[in-house]
Amino acid sequence: MLDPKIAKMLNDQVTKEFHSAYLYLDMANYYYDNNLNGFGNWFDVQTEEEKAHGMLFLQYLRNNGIKVELNQIDAPGFDFKDFKEPLTAALKHEQYVTASIYDIYKEAHVQKDFRTMQFLDWFVKEQGEEEQSAEELCQRYDMFGKDPKGLYLLDSELGRRAYEEPDLTL
């Protein structure tokens, strides 16, 4: 049985993951509305990844006999002024999610909940990749995004990104 504090933190993480999907869907819509379909695709893939992450946390709770409590997801509320804003917002959000997962990991360590720590190991690695990917996209936009040809090529490249199911068995 999971410690009640850890169970609550994991339940809250389910909401955070689905909120992430909602944020990224909003960012995708922004790019589609501005005819940058490759950027839109990149964020659509991010949306799918976050939904999958939410389902992994949800299934972990179920597997441990914990009642899943779905909380309200607020509207994103963004009003982007330029094409870089969603990229920096995504990086900042990934850093927030990383901190949240680290907090759960720290509590699991205090509680000597090795099973939860093992479950979270995959997310710790994944968040490192998510932050790196978002950081690289910001850097690439800085290098190429202000030149129309560079923006076109970057958008075309991002349009080829495809969703891959997470490689984690619960």
N, C-alpha and C. Protein backbone atom coordinates (compact mmCIF):
# COMPACT_ATOMS: atom_id res chain seq x y z
N MET A 1 0.85 -1.20 0.00
CA MET A 1 0.00 0.00 0.00
C MET A 1 0.88 1.25 0.00
N LEU A 2 0.51 2.20 -0.81
CA LEU A 2 1.25 3.45 -0.89
C LEU A 2 0.95 4.34 0.31
N ASP A 3 1.97 5.06 0.74
CA ASP A 3 1.79 6.07 1.77
C ASP A 3 0.78 7.10 1.27
N PRO A 4 -0.13 7.56 2.13
CA PRO A 4 -1.15 8.51 1.68
C PRO A 4 -0.58 9.80 1.06
N LYS A 5 0.54 10.29 1.60
CA LYS A 5 1.13 11.50 1.05
C LYS A 5 1.65 11.25 -0.37
N ILE A 6 2.30 10.12 -0.58
CA ILE A 6 2.80 9.78 -1.91
C ILE A 6 1.63 9.56 -2.86
N ALA A 7 0.58 8.89 -2.39
CA ALA A 7 -0.60 8.66 -3.23
C ALA A 7 -1.20 9.99 -3.68
N LYS A 8 -1.27 10.96 -2.78
CA LYS A 8 -1.82 12.27 -3.15
C LYS A 8 -0.92 12.96 -4.17
N MET A 9 0.38 12.88 -3.94
CA MET A 9 1.32 13.52 -4.87
C MET A 9 1.22 12.89 -6.26
N LEU A 10 1.08 11.57 -6.31
CA LEU A 10 0.93 10.88 -7.59
C LEU A 10 -0.40 11.24 -8.26
N ASN A 11 -1.47 11.34 -7.46
CA ASN A 11 -2.76 11.76 -8.00
C ASN A 11 -2.65 13.16 -8.58
N ASP A 12 -1.99 14.05 -7.86
CA ASP A 12 -1.79 15.41 -8.35
C ASP A 12 -0.98 15.42 -9.64
N GLN A 13 -0.04 14.48 -9.75
CA GLN A 13 0.79 14.41 -10.95
C GLN A 13 -0.03 13.99 -12.16
N VAL A 14 -1.04 13.16 -11.95
CA VAL A 14 -1.94 12.80 -13.06
C VAL A 14 -2.53 14.08 -13.65
N THR A 15 -3.03 14.94 -12.79
CA THR A 15 -3.63 16.20 -13.24
C THR A 15 -2.58 17.07 -13.94
N LYS A 16 -1.38 17.13 -13.39
CA LYS A 16 -0.32 17.95 -14.00
C LYS A 16 0.03 17.45 -15.39
N GLU A 17 0.05 16.13 -15.56
CA GLU A 17 0.38 15.58 -16.88
C GLU A 17 -0.70 15.91 -17.90
N PHE A 18 -1.96 15.78 -17.50
CA PHE A 18 -3.04 16.10 -18.44
C PHE A 18 -3.13 17.61 -18.67
N HIS A 19 -2.78 18.39 -17.65
CA HIS A 19 -2.71 19.85 -17.84
C HIS A 19 -1.61 20.17 -18.86
N SER A 20 -0.50 19.46 -18.77
CA SER A 20 0.59 19.64 -19.75
C SER A 20 0.08 19.38 -21.16
N ALA A 21 -0.69 18.29 -21.31
CA ALA A 21 -1.24 17.98 -22.63
C ALA A 21 -2.12 19.12 -23.12
N TYR A 22 -2.90 19.68 -22.22
CA TYR A 22 -3.80 20.78 -22.56
C TYR A 22 -3.00 22.02 -22.99
N LEU A 23 -1.91 22.30 -22.25
CA LEU A 23 -1.06 23.44 -22.61
C LEU A 23 -0.46 23.26 -24.00
N TYR A 24 0.04 22.05 -24.26
CA TYR A 24 0.69 21.80 -25.54
C TYR A 24 -0.30 21.79 -26.68
N LEU A 25 -1.51 21.36 -26.42
CA LEU A 25 -2.54 21.42 -27.44
C LEU A 25 -2.84 22.88 -27.81
N ASP A 26 -2.86 23.74 -26.80
CA ASP A 26 -3.08 25.17 -27.04
C ASP A 26 -1.93 25.75 -27.87
N MET A 27 -0.71 25.33 -27.55
CA MET A 27 0.45 25.81 -28.29
C MET A 27 0.40 25.31 -29.73
N ALA A 28 0.00 24.05 -29.92
CA ALA A 28 -0.15 23.52 -31.28
C ALA A 28 -1.16 24.35 -32.05
N ASN A 29 -2.27 24.66 -31.43
CA ASN A 29 -3.31 25.46 -32.10
C ASN A 29 -2.76 26.83 -32.51
N TYR A 30 -1.95 27.44 -31.66
CA TYR A 30 -1.36 28.73 -31.99
C TYR A 30 -0.55 28.64 -33.28
N TYR A 31 0.28 27.61 -33.37
CA TYR A 31 1.11 27.47 -34.57
C TYR A 31 0.27 27.13 -35.80
N TYR A 32 -0.71 26.24 -35.66
CA TYR A 32 -1.57 25.93 -36.80
C TYR A 32 -2.30 27.19 -37.28
N ASP A 33 -2.75 28.00 -36.32
CA ASP A 33 -3.44 29.25 -36.68
C ASP A 33 -2.53 30.21 -37.45
N ASN A 34 -1.21 30.03 -37.27
CA ASN A 34 -0.25 30.91 -37.94
C ASN A 34 0.48 30.20 -39.08
N ASN A 35 -0.12 29.12 -39.58
CA ASN A 35 0.40 28.38 -40.73
C ASN A 35 1.81 27.83 -40.53
N LEU A 36 2.15 27.51 -39.30
CA LEU A 36 3.40 26.81 -39.00
C LEU A 36 3.03 25.40 -38.54
N ASN A 37 2.63 24.60 -39.51
CA ASN A 37 2.08 23.28 -39.22
C ASN A 37 3.12 22.32 -38.65
N GLY A 38 4.39 22.50 -38.98
CA GLY A 38 5.43 21.66 -38.40
C GLY A 38 5.57 21.90 -36.91
N PHE A 39 5.57 23.17 -36.51
CA PHE A 39 5.60 23.50 -35.09
C PHE A 39 4.34 22.95 -34.41
N GLY A 40 3.20 23.10 -35.10
CA GLY A 40 1.95 22.55 -34.56
C GLY A 40 2.06 21.05 -34.36
N ASN A 41 2.65 20.36 -35.34
CA ASN A 41 2.85 18.91 -35.21
C ASN A 41 3.74 18.58 -34.03
N TRP A 42 4.83 19.34 -33.84
CA TRP A 42 5.74 19.09 -32.72
C TRP A 42 4.98 19.14 -31.40
N PHE A 43 4.10 20.13 -31.27
CA PHE A 43 3.33 20.25 -30.04
C PHE A 43 2.19 19.22 -29.97
N ASP A 44 1.67 18.79 -31.11
CA ASP A 44 0.71 17.68 -31.08
C ASP A 44 1.36 16.42 -30.53
N VAL A 45 2.60 16.15 -30.94
CA VAL A 45 3.32 15.00 -30.42
C VAL A 45 3.56 15.17 -28.92
N GLN A 46 3.91 16.37 -28.50
CA GLN A 46 4.08 16.64 -27.07
C GLN A 46 2.78 16.35 -26.31
N THR A 47 1.67 16.76 -26.90
CA THR A 47 0.36 16.52 -26.29
C THR A 47 0.14 15.03 -26.08
N GLU A 48 0.41 14.23 -27.09
CA GLU A 48 0.22 12.77 -26.98
C GLU A 48 1.13 12.18 -25.91
N GLU A 49 2.37 12.66 -25.85
CA GLU A 49 3.31 12.17 -24.83
C GLU A 49 2.79 12.46 -23.43
N GLU A 50 2.30 13.67 -23.23
CA GLU A 50 1.82 14.04 -21.89
C GLU A 50 0.59 13.25 -21.49
N LYS A 51 -0.30 13.01 -22.45
CA LYS A 51 -1.47 12.17 -22.15
C LYS A 51 -1.01 10.77 -21.74
N ALA A 52 -0.03 10.24 -22.46
CA ALA A 52 0.49 8.90 -22.13
C ALA A 52 1.12 8.90 -20.74
N HIS A 53 1.85 9.96 -20.40
CA HIS A 53 2.46 10.05 -19.07
C HIS A 53 1.38 10.07 -17.99
N GLY A 54 0.33 10.84 -18.24
CA GLY A 54 -0.78 10.88 -17.28
C GLY A 54 -1.38 9.51 -17.07
N MET A 55 -1.55 8.78 -18.16
CA MET A 55 -2.11 7.43 -18.06
C MET A 55 -1.17 6.48 -17.32
N LEU A 56 0.13 6.66 -17.46
CA LEU A 56 1.08 5.82 -16.72
C LEU A 56 0.96 6.06 -15.21
N PHE A 57 0.88 7.33 -14.82
CA PHE A 57 0.69 7.63 -13.40
C PHE A 57 -0.64 7.08 -12.90
N LEU A 58 -1.68 7.27 -13.69
CA LEU A 58 -3.01 6.78 -13.34
C LEU A 58 -2.99 5.26 -13.16
N GLN A 59 -2.37 4.54 -14.08
CA GLN A 59 -2.31 3.08 -14.01
C GLN A 59 -1.49 2.62 -12.81
N TYR A 60 -0.42 3.35 -12.48
CA TYR A 60 0.38 3.01 -11.30
C TYR A 60 -0.47 3.11 -10.04
N LEU A 61 -1.27 4.15 -9.96
CA LEU A 61 -2.17 4.29 -8.81
C LEU A 61 -3.15 3.13 -8.76
N ARG A 62 -3.77 2.82 -9.87
CA ARG A 62 -4.72 1.70 -9.94
C ARG A 62 -4.04 0.40 -9.53
N ASN A 63 -2.84 0.17 -10.04
CA ASN A 63 -2.11 -1.06 -9.74
C ASN A 63 -1.78 -1.20 -8.25
N ASN A 64 -1.77 -0.07 -7.57
CA ASN A 64 -1.47 -0.07 -6.14
C ASN A 64 -2.72 0.11 -5.28
N GLY A 65 -3.89 -0.07 -5.89
CA GLY A 65 -5.13 -0.03 -5.13
C GLY A 65 -5.54 1.35 -4.65
N ILE A 66 -5.06 2.38 -5.31
CA ILE A 66 -5.36 3.75 -4.91
C ILE A 66 -6.46 4.30 -5.81
N LYS A 67 -7.45 4.91 -5.19
CA LYS A 67 -8.53 5.55 -5.95
C LYS A 67 -7.97 6.77 -6.67
N VAL A 68 -8.19 6.82 -7.96
CA VAL A 68 -7.72 7.94 -8.77
C VAL A 68 -8.73 9.07 -8.66
N GLU A 69 -8.23 10.25 -8.35
CA GLU A 69 -9.08 11.44 -8.25
C GLU A 69 -8.68 12.40 -9.36
N LEU A 70 -9.58 12.60 -10.29
CA LEU A 70 -9.31 13.52 -11.39
C LEU A 70 -9.74 14.93 -10.98
N ASN A 71 -8.80 15.83 -11.05
CA ASN A 71 -9.06 17.21 -10.67
C ASN A 71 -9.30 18.08 -11.90
N GLN A 72 -9.81 19.26 -11.66
CA GLN A 72 -10.10 20.20 -12.74
C GLN A 72 -8.81 20.63 -13.43
N ILE A 73 -8.89 20.77 -14.74
CA ILE A 73 -7.78 21.27 -15.53
C ILE A 73 -8.16 22.66 -16.02
N ASP A 74 -7.37 23.65 -15.63
CA ASP A 74 -7.64 25.03 -16.02
C ASP A 74 -7.29 25.26 -17.48
N ALA A 75 -7.97 26.23 -18.07
CA ALA A 75 -7.65 26.65 -19.44
C ALA A 75 -6.23 27.21 -19.46
N PRO A 76 -5.51 27.01 -20.55
CA PRO A 76 -4.12 27.48 -20.62
C PRO A 76 -3.97 28.98 -20.42
N GLY A 77 -4.82 29.78 -21.05
CA GLY A 77 -4.79 31.22 -20.84
C GLY A 77 -3.61 31.94 -21.47
N PHE A 78 -2.99 31.36 -22.47
CA PHE A 78 -1.87 32.03 -23.14
C PHE A 78 -2.38 33.04 -24.16
N ASP A 79 -1.59 34.08 -24.36
CA ASP A 79 -1.82 35.05 -25.43
C ASP A 79 -0.45 35.36 -26.03
N PHE A 80 0.01 34.48 -26.91
CA PHE A 80 1.36 34.58 -27.45
C PHE A 80 1.50 35.78 -28.38
N LYS A 81 2.62 36.46 -28.26
CA LYS A 81 2.90 37.65 -29.07
C LYS A 81 3.83 37.35 -30.23
N ASP A 82 4.60 36.25 -30.12
CA ASP A 82 5.52 35.89 -31.20
C ASP A 82 5.73 34.38 -31.20
N PHE A 83 6.44 33.89 -32.20
CA PHE A 83 6.60 32.45 -32.38
C PHE A 83 7.52 31.81 -31.34
N LYS A 84 8.35 32.58 -30.67
CA LYS A 84 9.25 32.00 -29.68
C LYS A 84 8.57 31.80 -28.33
N GLU A 85 7.58 32.60 -28.01
CA GLU A 85 6.94 32.52 -26.68
C GLU A 85 6.46 31.13 -26.31
N PRO A 86 5.79 30.40 -27.21
CA PRO A 86 5.38 29.05 -26.82
C PRO A 86 6.56 28.13 -26.54
N LEU A 87 7.65 28.34 -27.23
CA LEU A 87 8.83 27.50 -27.03
C LEU A 87 9.43 27.71 -25.65
N THR A 88 9.56 28.98 -25.25
CA THR A 88 10.11 29.25 -23.93
C THR A 88 9.12 28.86 -22.83
N ALA A 89 7.84 29.02 -23.09
CA ALA A 89 6.82 28.59 -22.12
C ALA A 89 6.86 27.07 -21.94
N ALA A 90 7.09 26.35 -23.03
CA ALA A 90 7.17 24.88 -22.96
C ALA A 90 8.39 24.46 -22.14
N LEU A 91 9.53 25.11 -22.35
CA LEU A 91 10.73 24.79 -21.58
C LEU A 91 10.49 25.06 -20.09
N LYS A 92 9.92 26.21 -19.79
CA LYS A 92 9.63 26.55 -18.39
C LYS A 92 8.67 25.52 -17.78
N HIS A 93 7.69 25.11 -18.55
CA HIS A 93 6.72 24.13 -18.04
C HIS A 93 7.39 22.78 -17.80
N GLU A 94 8.27 22.36 -18.70
CA GLU A 94 8.97 21.09 -18.49
C GLU A 94 9.82 21.13 -17.22
N GLN A 95 10.43 22.27 -16.94
CA GLN A 95 11.21 22.42 -15.71
C GLN A 95 10.30 22.31 -14.48
N TYR A 96 9.11 22.85 -14.57
CA TYR A 96 8.12 22.74 -13.49
C TYR A 96 7.72 21.27 -13.27
N VAL A 97 7.46 20.55 -14.35
CA VAL A 97 7.08 19.14 -14.24
C VAL A 97 8.23 18.32 -13.64
N THR A 98 9.45 18.61 -14.08
CA THR A 98 10.62 17.92 -13.54
C THR A 98 10.69 18.13 -12.03
N ALA A 99 10.52 19.36 -11.58
CA ALA A 99 10.57 19.65 -10.15
C ALA A 99 9.49 18.88 -9.39
N SER A 100 8.32 18.77 -9.98
CA SER A 100 7.22 18.04 -9.35
C SER A 100 7.57 16.55 -9.20
N ILE A 101 8.12 15.97 -10.24
CA ILE A 101 8.51 14.55 -10.18
C ILE A 101 9.63 14.36 -9.18
N TYR A 102 10.58 15.28 -9.13
CA TYR A 102 11.65 15.19 -8.13
C TYR A 102 11.08 15.24 -6.71
N ASP A 103 10.07 16.07 -6.49
CA ASP A 103 9.46 16.15 -5.16
C ASP A 103 8.83 14.81 -4.76
N ILE A 104 8.17 14.16 -5.70
CA ILE A 104 7.58 12.85 -5.40
C ILE A 104 8.70 11.85 -5.11
N TYR A 105 9.74 11.89 -5.91
CA TYR A 105 10.87 10.98 -5.73
C TYR A 105 11.49 11.17 -4.34
N LYS A 106 11.69 12.44 -3.96
CA LYS A 106 12.27 12.72 -2.64
C LYS A 106 11.41 12.15 -1.52
N GLU A 107 10.10 12.32 -1.63
CA GLU A 107 9.20 11.79 -0.61
C GLU A 107 9.21 10.26 -0.61
N ALA A 108 9.27 9.67 -1.79
CA ALA A 108 9.35 8.20 -1.86
C ALA A 108 10.64 7.71 -1.20
N HIS A 109 11.72 8.45 -1.38
CA HIS A 109 12.99 8.09 -0.74
C HIS A 109 12.86 8.18 0.79
N VAL A 110 12.26 9.25 1.28
CA VAL A 110 12.05 9.40 2.73
C VAL A 110 11.23 8.24 3.27
N GLN A 111 10.21 7.84 2.53
CA GLN A 111 9.30 6.78 2.97
C GLN A 111 9.87 5.38 2.69
N LYS A 112 11.03 5.33 2.04
CA LYS A 112 11.63 4.05 1.62
C LYS A 112 10.67 3.24 0.75
N ASP A 113 10.00 3.99 -0.13
CA ASP A 113 9.07 3.39 -1.09
C ASP A 113 9.85 3.11 -2.38
N PHE A 114 10.57 2.00 -2.36
CA PHE A 114 11.47 1.68 -3.47
C PHE A 114 10.72 1.38 -4.76
N ARG A 115 9.53 0.83 -4.64
CA ARG A 115 8.73 0.53 -5.83
C ARG A 115 8.37 1.83 -6.56
N THR A 116 7.94 2.85 -5.81
CA THR A 116 7.60 4.13 -6.44
C THR A 116 8.85 4.79 -7.00
N MET A 117 9.97 4.68 -6.28
CA MET A 117 11.21 5.25 -6.80
C MET A 117 11.59 4.59 -8.12
N GLN A 118 11.44 3.27 -8.19
CA GLN A 118 11.75 2.57 -9.43
C GLN A 118 10.82 3.02 -10.56
N PHE A 119 9.54 3.16 -10.25
CA PHE A 119 8.58 3.67 -11.23
C PHE A 119 8.98 5.05 -11.72
N LEU A 120 9.40 5.91 -10.81
CA LEU A 120 9.74 7.29 -11.16
C LEU A 120 11.07 7.41 -11.89
N ASP A 121 11.93 6.39 -11.78
CA ASP A 121 13.22 6.45 -12.48
C ASP A 121 13.03 6.74 -13.96
N TRP A 122 12.03 6.11 -14.58
CA TRP A 122 11.79 6.32 -16.00
C TRP A 122 11.42 7.79 -16.26
N PHE A 123 10.61 8.36 -15.37
CA PHE A 123 10.18 9.75 -15.55
C PHE A 123 11.33 10.73 -15.34
N VAL A 124 12.23 10.42 -14.42
CA VAL A 124 13.39 11.27 -14.21
C VAL A 124 14.21 11.33 -15.50
N LYS A 125 14.44 10.17 -16.10
CA LYS A 125 15.17 10.12 -17.38
C LYS A 125 14.38 10.85 -18.46
N GLU A 126 13.10 10.59 -18.54
CA GLU A 126 12.24 11.20 -19.56
C GLU A 126 12.24 12.72 -19.44
N GLN A 127 12.18 13.23 -18.23
CA GLN A 127 12.16 14.68 -18.05
C GLN A 127 13.48 15.32 -18.47
N GLY A 128 14.57 14.61 -18.26
CA GLY A 128 15.85 15.11 -18.77
C GLY A 128 15.80 15.26 -20.28
N GLU A 129 15.21 14.26 -20.95
CA GLU A 129 15.07 14.32 -22.40
C GLU A 129 14.10 15.42 -22.82
N GLU A 130 13.00 15.59 -22.08
CA GLU A 130 12.01 16.62 -22.41
C GLU A 130 12.61 18.01 -22.29
N GLU A 131 13.35 18.25 -21.21
CA GLU A 131 13.97 19.56 -21.04
C GLU A 131 15.02 19.82 -22.13
N GLN A 132 15.81 18.81 -22.44
CA GLN A 132 16.83 18.96 -23.48
C GLN A 132 16.18 19.26 -24.83
N SER A 133 15.12 18.55 -25.15
CA SER A 133 14.42 18.75 -26.42
C SER A 133 13.85 20.16 -26.51
N ALA A 134 13.22 20.62 -25.44
CA ALA A 134 12.64 21.97 -25.43
C ALA A 134 13.73 23.04 -25.52
N GLU A 135 14.83 22.82 -24.80
CA GLU A 135 15.96 23.76 -24.83
C GLU A 135 16.56 23.83 -26.23
N GLU A 136 16.75 22.67 -26.86
CA GLU A 136 17.30 22.63 -28.21
C GLU A 136 16.38 23.33 -29.21
N LEU A 137 15.08 23.16 -29.04
CA LEU A 137 14.14 23.82 -29.96
C LEU A 137 14.23 25.34 -29.80
N CYS A 138 14.34 25.81 -28.57
CA CYS A 138 14.52 27.25 -28.34
C CYS A 138 15.80 27.75 -29.01
N GLN A 139 16.88 27.01 -28.85
CA GLN A 139 18.16 27.40 -29.44
C GLN A 139 18.09 27.38 -30.97
N ARG A 140 17.46 26.37 -31.52
CA ARG A 140 17.35 26.28 -32.97
C ARG A 140 16.48 27.40 -33.52
N TYR A 141 15.42 27.75 -32.78
CA TYR A 141 14.61 28.88 -33.22
C TYR A 141 15.45 30.16 -33.21
N ASP A 142 16.25 30.35 -32.17
CA ASP A 142 17.11 31.53 -32.11
C ASP A 142 18.08 31.58 -33.29
N MET A 143 18.58 30.43 -33.71
CA MET A 143 19.54 30.39 -34.82
C MET A 143 18.86 30.59 -36.18
N PHE A 144 17.70 29.98 -36.37
CA PHE A 144 17.11 29.91 -37.72
C PHE A 144 15.75 30.60 -37.85
N GLY A 145 15.05 30.80 -36.76
CA GLY A 145 13.66 31.20 -36.82
C GLY A 145 13.38 32.61 -37.28
N LYS A 146 14.35 33.48 -37.20
CA LYS A 146 14.10 34.87 -37.59
C LYS A 146 14.30 35.10 -39.08
N ASP A 147 14.92 34.12 -39.74
CA ASP A 147 15.10 34.16 -41.19
C ASP A 147 13.95 33.37 -41.82
N PRO A 148 13.17 33.93 -42.74
CA PRO A 148 12.03 33.22 -43.30
C PRO A 148 12.38 31.84 -43.89
N LYS A 149 13.52 31.76 -44.56
CA LYS A 149 13.91 30.46 -45.13
C LYS A 149 14.28 29.48 -44.01
N GLY A 150 14.97 29.98 -43.02
CA GLY A 150 15.33 29.13 -41.89
C GLY A 150 14.10 28.66 -41.13
N LEU A 151 13.15 29.57 -40.94
CA LEU A 151 11.90 29.22 -40.27
C LEU A 151 11.15 28.16 -41.06
N TYR A 152 11.13 28.33 -42.37
CA TYR A 152 10.46 27.35 -43.24
C TYR A 152 11.10 25.97 -43.11
N LEU A 153 12.42 25.92 -43.14
CA LEU A 153 13.12 24.64 -43.04
C LEU A 153 12.93 24.00 -41.67
N LEU A 154 12.99 24.81 -40.61
CA LEU A 154 12.77 24.29 -39.26
C LEU A 154 11.34 23.77 -39.12
N ASP A 155 10.39 24.50 -39.64
CA ASP A 155 8.99 24.08 -39.60
C ASP A 155 8.82 22.76 -40.36
N SER A 156 9.45 22.65 -41.51
CA SER A 156 9.36 21.41 -42.29
C SER A 156 9.94 20.23 -41.53
N GLU A 157 11.06 20.45 -40.87
CA GLU A 157 11.69 19.38 -40.09
C GLU A 157 10.79 18.95 -38.92
N LEU A 158 10.22 19.92 -38.23
CA LEU A 158 9.36 19.60 -37.08
C LEU A 158 8.10 18.86 -37.52
N GLY A 159 7.69 19.06 -38.74
CA GLY A 159 6.52 18.36 -39.27
C GLY A 159 6.73 16.87 -39.44
N ARG A 160 7.97 16.43 -39.42
CA ARG A 160 8.26 15.00 -39.59
C ARG A 160 8.30 14.25 -38.26
N ARG A 161 8.21 14.96 -37.16
CA ARG A 161 8.25 14.29 -35.85
C ARG A 161 7.01 13.42 -35.70
N ALA A 162 7.19 12.22 -35.17
CA ALA A 162 6.08 11.29 -34.98
C ALA A 162 6.05 10.82 -33.53
N TYR A 163 4.86 10.55 -33.08
CA TYR A 163 4.66 10.08 -31.71
C TYR A 163 5.11 8.63 -31.57
N GLU A 164 5.79 8.34 -30.47
CA GLU A 164 6.18 6.98 -30.14
C GLU A 164 5.66 6.66 -28.74
N GLU A 165 5.06 5.49 -28.60
CA GLU A 165 4.56 5.07 -27.29
C GLU A 165 5.71 5.01 -26.29
N PRO A 166 5.47 5.39 -25.04
CA PRO A 166 6.52 5.27 -24.02
C PRO A 166 6.90 3.81 -23.82
N ASP A 167 8.16 3.57 -23.58
CA ASP A 167 8.68 2.24 -23.38
C ASP A 167 8.77 1.97 -21.87
N LEU A 168 7.63 1.72 -21.26
CA LEU A 168 7.58 1.48 -19.81
C LEU A 168 6.48 0.48 -19.55
N THR A 169 6.84 -0.58 -18.89
CA THR A 169 5.86 -1.59 -18.51
C THR A 169 5.62 -1.46 -17.01
N LEU A 170 4.37 -1.33 -16.64
CA LEU A 170 4.05 -1.18 -15.21
C LEU A 170 3.87 -2.55 -14.59
